């Protein structure tokens, strides 16, 4: 199977509401969409690098550069037997997992379409529906946060994640738990704390949290292992795990009891599949994290979440929560029981609205073999 062309759409979509984490508040998403054509069949994917190097060192502009000048010349020269071969073929490029994943995931969708099967089936997924959780950003007031949680629960979401940062943490968690004593609740710090904050996290043990996601530095596993020894609440690693080897090290060091798997962060769907398998062998549950993807990236997350060890509700929420206009139809929809039905059509199983992509497009380029 040969990649014949890669079309890159640079897109900007407005959010319905701002989304704030410990490092930024955003009102729109600026990202890349890819069409990867393999033996005449096109697969869609989304590069989850964002405008600024806050969550990751990658950005939209670095991804464009690496895709065009380094990744494309390599993949155009290969004949692949299976999507599993795409990421290893790029080993000469250090880092840039999000750019690599965009090509690999497009290849996976084209591969599934060629076989006339859903992406979930091609990956080895075992579910026809997935449980959906929701991530709620930092709000202007606790009352606003409580109101948003109430609305999400009414919509059927099975798990609530709230973002925290210094000054918006323990008291917020206390008020949320007092208002909603029985919900599945977790917090996400996006690396905003240090080991100097052990006492804070020890106090959070009292609030029956499912997990504390990435409390310490994004590149640090030793301190997470040290923190986990001092608290009861499970630590979930996100930004610290970029590969199967990272996952293995984190598990061996007891730095994590849960792993957030994002295909873009770990280099693609093959790597994500292998991480969930390794984690299962060590009784470590995983879940699918979100990056404020459009419907195209969200659809990939739906299919990824069908793999056996994705046993916790992920951040694969309803499309209607986020963007003023979506890029697929039907949109990804959460049912009243808090689940999403997995499409069984070829590839991602959704129709990509190319006219709408063109409407919101900033730039457009087509890469072909030289």
Protein backbone atom coordinates (compact mmCIF):
# COMPACT_ATOMS: atom_id res chain seq x y z
CA UNK A 1 0.00 0.00 0.00
CA UNK A 2 1.49 3.31 -1.08
CA UNK A 3 0.62 6.82 0.02
CA UNK A 4 -0.09 8.77 -3.17
CA UNK A 5 -0.82 12.19 -1.69
CA UNK A 6 -1.34 14.09 1.55
CA UNK A 7 -3.69 17.06 1.51
CA UNK A 8 -3.38 19.41 4.49
CA UNK A 9 -6.17 21.78 5.48
CA UNK A 10 -5.33 24.43 8.07
CA UNK A 11 -8.61 25.26 9.81
CA UNK A 12 -9.92 27.57 12.52
CA UNK A 13 -13.23 26.80 14.28
CA UNK A 14 -14.95 28.95 16.90
CA UNK A 15 -15.94 27.35 20.20
CA UNK A 16 -19.42 27.91 21.60
CA UNK A 17 -17.90 28.69 25.00
CA UNK A 18 -14.39 29.35 26.25
CA UNK A 19 -12.38 26.40 27.57
CA UNK A 20 -9.79 27.05 30.28
CA UNK A 21 -7.06 24.79 31.68
CA UNK A 22 -4.22 25.53 34.10
CA UNK A 23 -2.22 27.12 31.28
CA UNK A 24 -4.65 28.83 28.91
CA UNK A 25 -8.17 29.97 28.04
CA UNK A 26 -9.20 29.40 24.42
CA UNK A 27 -12.20 30.58 22.41
CA UNK A 28 -11.36 28.84 19.14
CA UNK A 29 -9.35 25.90 17.83
CA UNK A 30 -6.69 26.28 15.15
CA UNK A 31 -5.63 22.88 13.80
CA UNK A 32 -4.79 20.72 10.80
CA UNK A 33 -6.94 18.20 8.94
CA UNK A 34 -5.33 15.66 6.65
CA UNK A 35 -6.53 13.64 3.70
CA UNK A 36 -4.16 10.70 3.21
CA UNK A 37 -4.74 8.94 -0.11
CA UNK A 38 -3.55 5.33 -0.17
CA UNK A 39 -3.89 3.35 -3.41
CA UNK A 40 -6.71 5.63 -4.52
CA UNK A 41 -8.62 5.53 -1.22
CA UNK A 42 -8.68 8.61 1.01
CA UNK A 43 -8.59 8.55 4.81
CA UNK A 44 -9.26 11.61 6.97
CA UNK A 45 -7.41 12.48 10.16
CA UNK A 46 -6.76 15.41 12.49
CA UNK A 47 -3.47 16.71 13.84
CA UNK A 48 -4.06 17.68 17.48
CA UNK A 49 -1.13 20.09 17.78
CA UNK A 50 -2.49 23.46 18.88
CA UNK A 51 -1.60 27.05 18.17
CA UNK A 52 0.77 27.44 21.13
CA UNK A 53 3.35 25.07 22.67
CA UNK A 54 1.54 24.77 26.00
CA UNK A 55 0.21 21.21 26.21
CA UNK A 56 2.95 19.99 23.86
CA UNK A 57 6.10 21.39 22.28
CA UNK A 58 4.40 20.84 18.92
CA UNK A 59 2.31 23.57 17.31
CA UNK A 60 0.31 23.92 14.13
CA UNK A 61 3.27 25.58 12.44
CA UNK A 62 5.86 23.01 13.54
CA UNK A 63 3.52 20.25 12.37
CA UNK A 64 3.16 21.86 8.96
CA UNK A 65 6.94 22.13 8.66
CA UNK A 66 7.65 18.56 9.76
CA UNK A 67 4.85 17.07 7.68
CA UNK A 68 5.93 18.80 4.50
CA UNK A 69 9.73 18.73 4.82
CA UNK A 70 10.41 15.47 6.68
CA UNK A 71 7.46 13.07 7.03
CA UNK A 72 6.10 13.29 3.48
CA UNK A 73 9.44 12.51 1.76
CA UNK A 74 9.76 9.37 3.89
CA UNK A 75 6.26 7.96 3.54
CA UNK A 76 6.02 8.66 -0.18
CA UNK A 77 8.97 6.36 -0.72
CA UNK A 78 7.52 3.33 1.14
CA UNK A 79 5.31 0.41 0.30
CA UNK A 80 3.42 -0.47 3.49
CA UNK A 81 1.82 -3.84 4.15
CA UNK A 82 -0.13 -2.54 7.15
CA UNK A 83 -0.72 0.73 9.09
CA UNK A 84 1.42 -0.68 11.93
CA UNK A 85 4.47 -0.01 9.75
CA UNK A 86 3.91 3.75 9.39
CA UNK A 87 5.18 4.99 12.77
CA UNK A 88 8.32 2.76 12.80
CA UNK A 89 9.21 4.06 9.33
CA UNK A 90 9.48 7.56 10.84
CA UNK A 91 11.94 6.60 13.62
CA UNK A 92 14.65 8.85 12.12
CA UNK A 93 12.52 11.85 13.14
CA UNK A 94 12.76 12.49 16.87
CA UNK A 95 9.57 13.59 18.57
CA UNK A 96 6.79 15.29 16.60
CA UNK A 97 4.34 12.53 17.51
CA UNK A 98 1.30 14.63 16.66
CA UNK A 99 2.50 15.26 13.11
CA UNK A 100 3.40 11.58 12.71
CA UNK A 101 0.07 10.46 14.14
CA UNK A 102 -1.87 12.62 11.69
CA UNK A 103 -0.43 10.68 8.73
CA UNK A 104 -0.65 7.32 10.49
CA UNK A 105 -4.29 7.82 11.49
CA UNK A 106 -5.22 8.92 7.97
CA UNK A 107 -3.54 5.76 6.70
CA UNK A 108 -5.56 3.69 9.19
CA UNK A 109 -8.83 5.19 7.97
CA UNK A 110 -7.91 4.57 4.33
CA UNK A 111 -6.89 1.00 5.22
CA UNK A 112 -10.23 0.34 6.93
CA UNK A 113 -12.12 1.81 3.97
CA UNK A 114 -10.16 -0.39 1.56
CA UNK A 115 -11.26 -3.42 3.56
CA UNK A 116 -14.86 -2.19 3.73
CA UNK A 117 -14.86 -2.28 7.52
CA UNK A 118 -15.14 0.16 10.38
CA UNK A 119 -12.01 1.64 11.92
CA UNK A 120 -12.90 -0.01 15.24
CA UNK A 121 -13.03 -3.45 13.61
CA UNK A 122 -9.73 -2.85 11.81
CA UNK A 123 -8.13 -1.90 15.14
CA UNK A 124 -9.54 -4.92 16.96
CA UNK A 125 -12.23 -3.10 18.91
CA UNK A 126 -14.77 -5.11 20.88
CA UNK A 127 -17.55 -2.61 21.67
CA UNK A 128 -20.50 -1.32 19.68
CA UNK A 129 -20.98 1.59 22.08
CA UNK A 130 -18.67 3.48 24.43
CA UNK A 131 -19.22 5.26 27.74
CA UNK A 132 -18.80 9.02 27.59
CA UNK A 133 -17.36 11.35 30.19
CA UNK A 134 -17.00 15.10 29.95
CA UNK A 135 -14.23 17.58 30.72
CA UNK A 136 -15.21 20.95 32.18
CA UNK A 137 -12.72 23.78 32.11
CA UNK A 138 -11.99 26.31 34.82
CA UNK A 139 -14.93 28.69 35.21
CA UNK A 140 -15.36 32.27 36.36
CA UNK A 141 -17.04 31.11 39.58
CA UNK A 142 -17.78 27.93 41.50
CA UNK A 143 -21.50 28.53 41.04
CA UNK A 144 -20.96 28.58 37.28
CA UNK A 145 -19.03 25.32 37.52
CA UNK A 146 -21.75 23.66 39.60
CA UNK A 147 -24.38 24.76 37.12
CA UNK A 148 -22.37 23.30 34.22
CA UNK A 149 -21.92 19.99 36.04
CA UNK A 150 -25.64 19.81 36.68
CA UNK A 151 -26.32 20.35 33.00
CA UNK A 152 -23.81 17.70 31.91
CA UNK A 153 -25.28 15.14 34.30
CA UNK A 154 -28.74 15.91 32.95
CA UNK A 155 -27.40 15.14 29.48
CA UNK A 156 -26.35 11.68 30.66
CA UNK A 157 -22.57 11.95 31.05
CA UNK A 158 -21.20 9.12 33.19
CA UNK A 159 -18.10 10.85 34.53
CA UNK A 160 -17.22 14.46 35.30
CA UNK A 161 -13.68 15.82 34.99
CA UNK A 162 -12.86 19.29 36.25
CA UNK A 163 -9.70 21.25 35.56
CA UNK A 164 -7.75 22.56 38.52
CA UNK A 165 -4.86 24.96 39.06
CA UNK A 166 -3.31 26.67 42.12
CA UNK A 167 -6.03 28.76 43.70
CA UNK A 168 -8.76 26.75 41.98
CA UNK A 169 -8.43 23.34 43.56
CA UNK A 170 -9.22 21.98 47.02
CA UNK A 171 -12.12 24.25 47.93
CA UNK A 172 -13.60 23.82 44.47
CA UNK A 173 -13.38 20.02 44.78
CA UNK A 174 -14.98 20.20 48.22
CA UNK A 175 -17.94 22.23 46.95
CA UNK A 176 -18.42 19.98 43.93
CA UNK A 177 -18.39 16.85 46.09
CA UNK A 178 -20.79 18.36 48.62
CA UNK A 179 -23.22 19.24 45.83
CA UNK A 180 -22.80 15.94 43.95
CA UNK A 181 -21.83 13.28 46.52
CA UNK A 182 -22.27 10.22 44.30
CA UNK A 183 -20.92 11.16 40.86
CA UNK A 184 -17.79 9.74 39.25
CA UNK A 185 -15.47 12.72 39.67
CA UNK A 186 -11.85 13.33 38.70
CA UNK A 187 -9.54 16.33 38.48
CA UNK A 188 -6.94 17.31 35.88
CA UNK A 189 -4.05 19.58 36.80
CA UNK A 190 -2.19 19.68 33.47
CA UNK A 191 1.18 19.70 35.30
CA UNK A 192 0.39 22.75 37.43
CA UNK A 193 1.84 21.46 40.75
CA UNK A 194 5.04 20.13 42.36
CA UNK A 195 5.96 17.80 45.22
CA UNK A 196 5.72 20.82 47.50
CA UNK A 197 1.94 20.36 47.15
CA UNK A 198 1.79 16.86 48.66
CA UNK A 199 -0.39 18.07 51.55
CA UNK A 200 -2.93 19.49 49.08
CA UNK A 201 -3.29 16.15 47.34
CA UNK A 202 -3.42 14.27 50.63
CA UNK A 203 -6.39 16.45 51.56
CA UNK A 204 -8.04 15.58 48.24
CA UNK A 205 -8.03 11.93 49.31
CA UNK A 206 -11.09 12.76 51.41
CA UNK A 207 -13.24 13.49 48.35
CA UNK A 208 -13.39 10.05 46.70
CA UNK A 209 -11.89 11.06 43.37
CA UNK A 210 -11.53 8.50 40.60
CA UNK A 211 -8.07 9.91 39.83
CA UNK A 212 -5.85 12.96 39.75
CA UNK A 213 -4.64 13.47 36.20
CA UNK A 214 -1.09 14.71 35.53
CA UNK A 215 -0.59 16.72 38.72
CA UNK A 216 3.19 17.24 38.27
CA UNK A 217 5.63 18.14 35.49
CA UNK A 218 4.84 16.83 32.04
CA UNK A 219 8.27 15.18 31.67
CA UNK A 220 8.54 13.78 35.18
CA UNK A 221 7.77 10.23 36.30
CA UNK A 222 9.96 9.98 39.42
CA UNK A 223 8.05 12.71 41.24
CA UNK A 224 4.73 11.17 40.26
CA UNK A 225 5.93 7.88 41.73
CA UNK A 226 6.94 9.70 44.91
CA UNK A 227 3.57 11.45 45.12
CA UNK A 228 1.62 8.24 44.50
CA UNK A 229 3.31 6.64 47.54
CA UNK A 230 1.95 9.44 49.72
CA UNK A 231 -1.67 9.61 48.56
CA UNK A 232 -4.52 7.11 48.18
CA UNK A 233 -6.15 8.60 45.09
CA UNK A 234 -4.85 7.01 41.86
CA UNK A 235 -2.58 9.16 39.72
CA UNK A 236 -3.34 9.14 36.01
CA UNK A 237 -0.55 10.09 33.61
CA UNK A 238 -1.26 12.00 30.43
CA UNK A 239 1.50 14.33 29.18
CA UNK A 240 4.26 12.08 30.58
CA UNK A 241 3.45 9.12 28.31
CA UNK A 242 4.51 9.55 24.69
CA UNK A 243 5.23 5.95 23.72
CA UNK A 244 4.90 2.30 24.64
CA UNK A 245 8.27 2.51 26.38
CA UNK A 246 7.10 5.50 28.43
CA UNK A 247 4.04 3.52 29.51
CA UNK A 248 6.23 0.56 30.47
CA UNK A 249 8.56 2.75 32.53
CA UNK A 250 5.68 4.50 34.28
CA UNK A 251 4.11 1.19 35.22
CA UNK A 252 7.40 -0.32 36.40
CA UNK A 253 8.10 2.77 38.53
CA UNK A 254 4.57 2.77 40.01
CA UNK A 255 4.22 6.34 38.77
CA UNK A 256 0.67 5.73 37.58
CA UNK A 257 -2.37 3.56 38.28
CA UNK A 258 -4.35 4.77 35.26
CA UNK A 259 -3.24 5.99 31.82
CA UNK A 260 -4.92 8.57 29.61
CA UNK A 261 -4.30 7.42 26.04
CA UNK A 262 -4.37 10.05 23.29
CA UNK A 263 -3.48 8.74 19.86
CA UNK A 264 -1.98 12.05 18.77
CA UNK A 265 0.29 12.25 21.80
CA UNK A 266 1.68 8.73 21.38
CA UNK A 267 2.25 8.76 17.61
CA UNK A 268 -0.95 7.19 16.34
CA UNK A 269 -3.51 4.43 16.67
CA UNK A 270 -1.07 1.52 16.56
CA UNK A 271 0.89 2.90 19.49
CA UNK A 272 -2.32 3.67 21.40
CA UNK A 273 -3.54 0.11 20.81
CA UNK A 274 -0.23 -1.33 22.06
CA UNK A 275 -0.23 0.87 25.19
CA UNK A 276 -3.73 -0.23 26.19
CA UNK A 277 -2.67 -3.87 25.72
CA UNK A 278 0.44 -3.44 27.89
CA UNK A 279 -1.58 -1.64 30.54
CA UNK A 280 -4.13 -4.47 30.59
CA UNK A 281 -1.36 -6.97 31.27
CA UNK A 282 -0.56 -4.99 34.44
CA UNK A 283 -4.18 -4.37 35.49
CA UNK A 284 -3.86 -0.68 34.66
CA UNK A 285 -7.10 0.69 33.14
CA UNK A 286 -6.95 3.27 30.37
CA UNK A 287 -9.30 5.84 28.90
CA UNK A 288 -9.31 8.06 25.82
CA UNK A 289 -8.46 11.68 26.42
CA UNK A 290 -9.61 14.58 24.27
CA UNK A 291 -7.84 17.55 22.68
CA UNK A 292 -10.88 19.64 21.73
CA UNK A 293 -10.94 17.82 18.41
CA UNK A 294 -13.38 18.54 15.63
CA UNK A 295 -15.70 15.74 14.62
CA UNK A 296 -12.98 14.09 12.53
CA UNK A 297 -10.57 13.67 15.42
CA UNK A 298 -13.46 12.88 17.74
CA UNK A 299 -14.58 10.08 15.42
CA UNK A 300 -11.11 8.49 15.62
CA UNK A 301 -11.39 8.67 19.42
CA UNK A 302 -14.76 6.89 19.32
CA UNK A 303 -13.25 3.97 17.41
CA UNK A 304 -10.10 3.86 19.56
CA UNK A 305 -12.26 3.65 22.68
CA UNK A 306 -13.71 0.32 21.54
CA UNK A 307 -10.45 -1.50 22.35
CA UNK A 308 -10.75 -3.92 25.29
CA UNK A 309 -8.84 -2.05 28.03
CA UNK A 310 -10.61 1.30 27.55
CA UNK A 311 -12.71 0.47 30.59
CA UNK A 312 -13.19 4.00 31.99
CA UNK A 313 -15.39 6.70 30.42
CA UNK A 314 -13.23 8.93 28.23
CA UNK A 315 -13.33 12.56 27.16
CA UNK A 316 -15.23 11.65 24.00
CA UNK A 317 -18.14 13.99 24.40
CA UNK A 318 -20.99 15.14 22.18
CA UNK A 319 -19.95 17.37 19.27
CA UNK A 320 -22.68 19.88 20.11
CA UNK A 321 -20.86 20.91 23.30
CA UNK A 322 -17.94 22.50 21.53
CA UNK A 323 -18.05 24.10 18.10
CA UNK A 324 -20.38 26.60 16.52
CA UNK A 325 -20.21 24.50 13.34
CA UNK A 326 -19.10 20.89 13.02
CA UNK A 327 -17.27 19.22 10.13
CA UNK A 328 -19.03 15.84 10.03
CA UNK A 329 -22.53 14.50 9.84
CA UNK A 330 -24.15 13.11 11.73
CA UNK A 331 -22.33 14.69 14.63
CA UNK A 332 -20.95 12.55 17.44
CA UNK A 333 -23.94 12.21 19.77
CA UNK A 334 -24.17 11.12 23.39
CA UNK A 335 -27.37 9.24 24.16
CA UNK A 336 -29.44 9.65 27.30
CA UNK A 337 -27.71 6.66 28.90
CA UNK A 338 -24.31 8.37 28.56
CA UNK A 339 -23.06 6.26 25.67
CA UNK A 340 -22.03 6.87 22.06
CA UNK A 341 -23.00 4.37 19.38
CA UNK A 342 -19.96 3.34 17.34
CA UNK A 343 -20.58 3.71 13.58
CA UNK A 344 -20.24 0.45 11.68
CA UNK A 345 -19.73 1.94 8.21
CA UNK A 346 -16.35 1.90 6.48
CA UNK A 347 -13.56 3.91 8.11
CA UNK A 348 -14.69 6.44 10.70
CA UNK A 349 -18.30 5.97 9.56
CA UNK A 350 -19.16 9.68 9.40
CA UNK A 351 -19.54 11.93 6.35
CA UNK A 352 -16.90 14.67 6.19
CA UNK A 353 -18.38 18.04 5.15
CA UNK A 354 -15.73 19.29 2.75
CA UNK A 355 -17.63 22.48 1.90
CA UNK A 356 -17.66 23.41 5.57
CA UNK A 357 -13.94 22.70 5.87
CA UNK A 358 -13.36 25.03 2.92
CA UNK A 359 -15.45 27.70 4.67
CA UNK A 360 -13.23 27.64 7.76
CA UNK A 361 -9.93 26.98 6.01
CA UNK A 362 -6.92 29.28 6.46
CA UNK A 363 -4.56 27.48 4.08
CA UNK A 364 -4.49 24.42 1.88
CA UNK A 365 -1.68 22.40 0.35
CA UNK A 366 -1.38 19.13 -1.51
CA UNK A 367 1.79 17.07 -1.04
CA UNK A 368 2.71 14.50 -3.67
CA UNK A 369 5.81 12.44 -4.43
CA UNK A 370 8.46 14.56 -6.11
